[in-house]
Amino acid sequence: MRATFEELTEIPDIGEKTAQNIVEYFAHEENKSLIERLISLGVNDKAEVAAATSTELSGKKFVVTGKFDGLSRDEIIEIIEKNGGESIGSVSKKTDFLIVGENAGSKLSKAESLGIKTLTLDELMNMINSEE
């Protein structure tokens, strides 16, 4: 996040355009905040290794519902998929976990009626990190 344009262009395979895009991305405070939030949730430079070896989420189907502080649903889905899980759009008997944010609504009701386990975002991150 703190690398300069010059430092970035010294890295093999990083050209001027890519370096400029990286510098511009981190010039926005909301982008820095997002990265810091991901780090605080346990996502780090070991994430790719964990994704390749994680079995905790493998074969599990997740539905994400509600509003989350600091992460979009798409970002949460990406974390799930990078760690071997599958994201599905609606709750059914085949759903293993419902990731619940604020104002979850009807998906939460349906999951409860089907006996599907619900998780907070922190519980999901703990599940992933327990594999390391």
Protein backbone atom coordinates (compact mmCIF):
# COMPACT_ATOMS: atom_id res chain seq x y z
CA MET A 1 0.00 0.00 0.00
CA ARG A 2 2.92 2.33 0.62
CA ALA A 3 5.01 1.51 -2.44
CA THR A 4 5.87 4.39 -4.74
CA PHE A 5 5.51 4.39 -8.51
CA GLU A 6 9.28 4.06 -8.85
CA GLU A 7 9.45 1.12 -6.42
CA LEU A 8 6.65 -0.67 -8.23
CA THR A 9 8.22 -0.28 -11.67
CA GLU A 10 11.41 -1.92 -10.34
CA ILE A 11 9.45 -5.15 -9.74
CA PRO A 12 9.76 -7.60 -12.66
CA ASP A 13 6.62 -7.72 -14.84
CA ILE A 14 5.20 -4.49 -13.36
CA GLY A 15 5.07 -1.85 -16.05
CA GLU A 16 4.36 1.84 -15.77
CA LYS A 17 0.62 1.49 -16.43
CA THR A 18 0.18 -1.22 -13.77
CA ALA A 19 2.30 0.73 -11.30
CA GLN A 20 0.21 3.85 -11.90
CA ASN A 21 -3.02 1.87 -11.40
CA ILE A 22 -1.74 0.47 -8.10
CA VAL A 23 -0.68 3.92 -6.84
CA GLU A 24 -4.06 5.39 -7.84
CA TYR A 25 -5.95 2.52 -6.18
CA PHE A 26 -4.23 3.09 -2.84
CA ALA A 27 -4.63 6.87 -3.12
CA HIS A 28 -8.29 6.34 -2.15
CA GLU A 29 -8.84 5.97 1.59
CA GLU A 30 -11.78 3.57 1.14
CA ASN A 31 -9.51 1.13 -0.72
CA LYS A 32 -6.89 1.28 2.06
CA SER A 33 -9.67 0.73 4.61
CA LEU A 34 -10.94 -2.31 2.72
CA ILE A 35 -7.48 -3.90 2.64
CA GLU A 36 -6.98 -3.15 6.34
CA ARG A 37 -10.39 -4.71 7.11
CA LEU A 38 -9.48 -7.85 5.16
CA ILE A 39 -6.19 -8.09 7.03
CA SER A 40 -8.00 -7.67 10.36
CA LEU A 41 -10.29 -10.56 9.35
CA GLY A 42 -7.28 -12.76 8.77
CA VAL A 43 -6.85 -12.49 5.01
CA ASN A 44 -3.14 -12.08 4.32
CA ASP A 45 -0.38 -12.91 1.90
CA LYS A 46 -0.85 -16.57 2.82
CA ALA A 47 -4.39 -16.54 1.42
CA GLU A 48 -3.40 -18.14 -1.89
CA VAL A 49 -1.57 -20.96 -0.09
CA ALA A 50 -4.58 -21.45 2.18
CA ALA A 51 -6.88 -21.50 -0.84
CA ALA A 52 -4.85 -24.25 -2.43
CA THR A 53 -4.81 -26.39 0.69
CA SER A 54 -7.99 -25.49 2.58
CA THR A 55 -10.42 -28.35 3.00
CA GLU A 56 -12.69 -26.71 5.55
CA LEU A 57 -14.92 -25.14 2.87
CA SER A 58 -14.43 -27.77 0.15
CA GLY A 59 -17.68 -29.30 -0.98
CA LYS A 60 -19.73 -26.89 1.15
CA LYS A 61 -22.43 -24.65 -0.27
CA PHE A 62 -22.87 -21.12 1.11
CA VAL A 63 -25.51 -18.45 0.76
CA VAL A 64 -24.59 -14.88 1.73
CA THR A 65 -27.34 -12.53 2.86
CA GLY A 66 -27.68 -9.16 4.54
CA LYS A 67 -25.39 -6.16 4.78
CA PHE A 68 -21.81 -6.45 6.03
CA ASP A 69 -19.61 -3.77 7.51
CA GLY A 70 -16.55 -3.20 5.33
CA LEU A 71 -17.10 -5.96 2.75
CA SER A 72 -19.57 -6.41 -0.07
CA ARG A 73 -21.38 -9.70 -0.62
CA ASP A 74 -19.34 -10.21 -3.78
CA GLU A 75 -16.11 -9.88 -1.79
CA ILE A 76 -17.34 -12.42 0.75
CA ILE A 77 -18.32 -14.79 -2.06
CA GLU A 78 -14.83 -14.41 -3.53
CA ILE A 79 -13.28 -15.35 -0.16
CA ILE A 80 -15.54 -18.41 0.06
CA GLU A 81 -14.69 -19.54 -3.46
CA LYS A 82 -10.94 -18.97 -3.02
CA ASN A 83 -11.10 -21.27 -0.02
CA GLY A 84 -12.86 -24.12 -1.79
CA GLY A 85 -16.49 -23.33 -1.01
CA GLU A 86 -19.33 -22.83 -3.45
CA SER A 87 -21.62 -19.83 -3.42
CA ILE A 88 -25.27 -20.38 -4.32
CA GLY A 89 -28.00 -17.79 -4.63
CA SER A 90 -30.85 -19.23 -2.63
CA VAL A 91 -31.38 -21.27 0.51
CA SER A 92 -32.43 -24.90 0.00
CA LYS A 93 -31.91 -28.32 1.58
CA LYS A 94 -28.59 -28.42 -0.25
CA THR A 95 -27.26 -25.30 1.53
CA ASP A 96 -24.63 -26.04 4.19
CA PHE A 97 -24.20 -22.53 5.66
CA LEU A 98 -25.91 -19.16 5.55
CA ILE A 99 -23.54 -16.24 6.11
CA VAL A 100 -25.67 -13.64 7.86
CA GLY A 101 -25.22 -9.87 7.92
CA GLU A 102 -27.54 -7.12 9.10
CA ASN A 103 -31.14 -7.21 7.88
CA ALA A 104 -30.90 -10.80 6.62
CA GLY A 105 -34.64 -11.17 5.97
CA SER A 106 -36.39 -14.14 4.34
CA LYS A 107 -33.24 -16.16 3.62
CA LEU A 108 -32.55 -16.31 7.35
CA SER A 109 -36.11 -17.43 8.07
CA LYS A 110 -35.92 -20.15 5.44
CA ALA A 111 -32.51 -21.35 6.71
CA GLU A 112 -33.85 -21.57 10.25
CA SER A 113 -36.88 -23.54 9.10
CA LEU A 114 -34.60 -25.99 7.27
CA GLY A 115 -32.14 -26.27 10.17
CA ILE A 116 -29.26 -24.78 8.17
CA LYS A 117 -26.34 -23.49 10.23
CA THR A 118 -25.87 -19.73 10.18
CA LEU A 119 -22.52 -18.01 10.52
CA THR A 120 -21.41 -14.43 11.04
CA LEU A 121 -18.63 -13.10 8.83
CA ASP A 122 -16.19 -13.43 11.75
CA GLU A 123 -17.20 -17.08 12.24
CA LEU A 124 -16.62 -17.75 8.53
CA MET A 125 -13.16 -16.14 8.72
CA ASN A 126 -12.35 -18.19 11.84
CA MET A 127 -13.42 -21.34 9.99
CA ILE A 128 -11.05 -20.51 7.14
CA ASN A 129 -8.19 -19.51 9.42
CA SER A 130 -8.48 -22.67 11.51
CA GLU A 131 -7.07 -24.52 8.49
CA GLU A 132 -3.72 -22.68 8.59
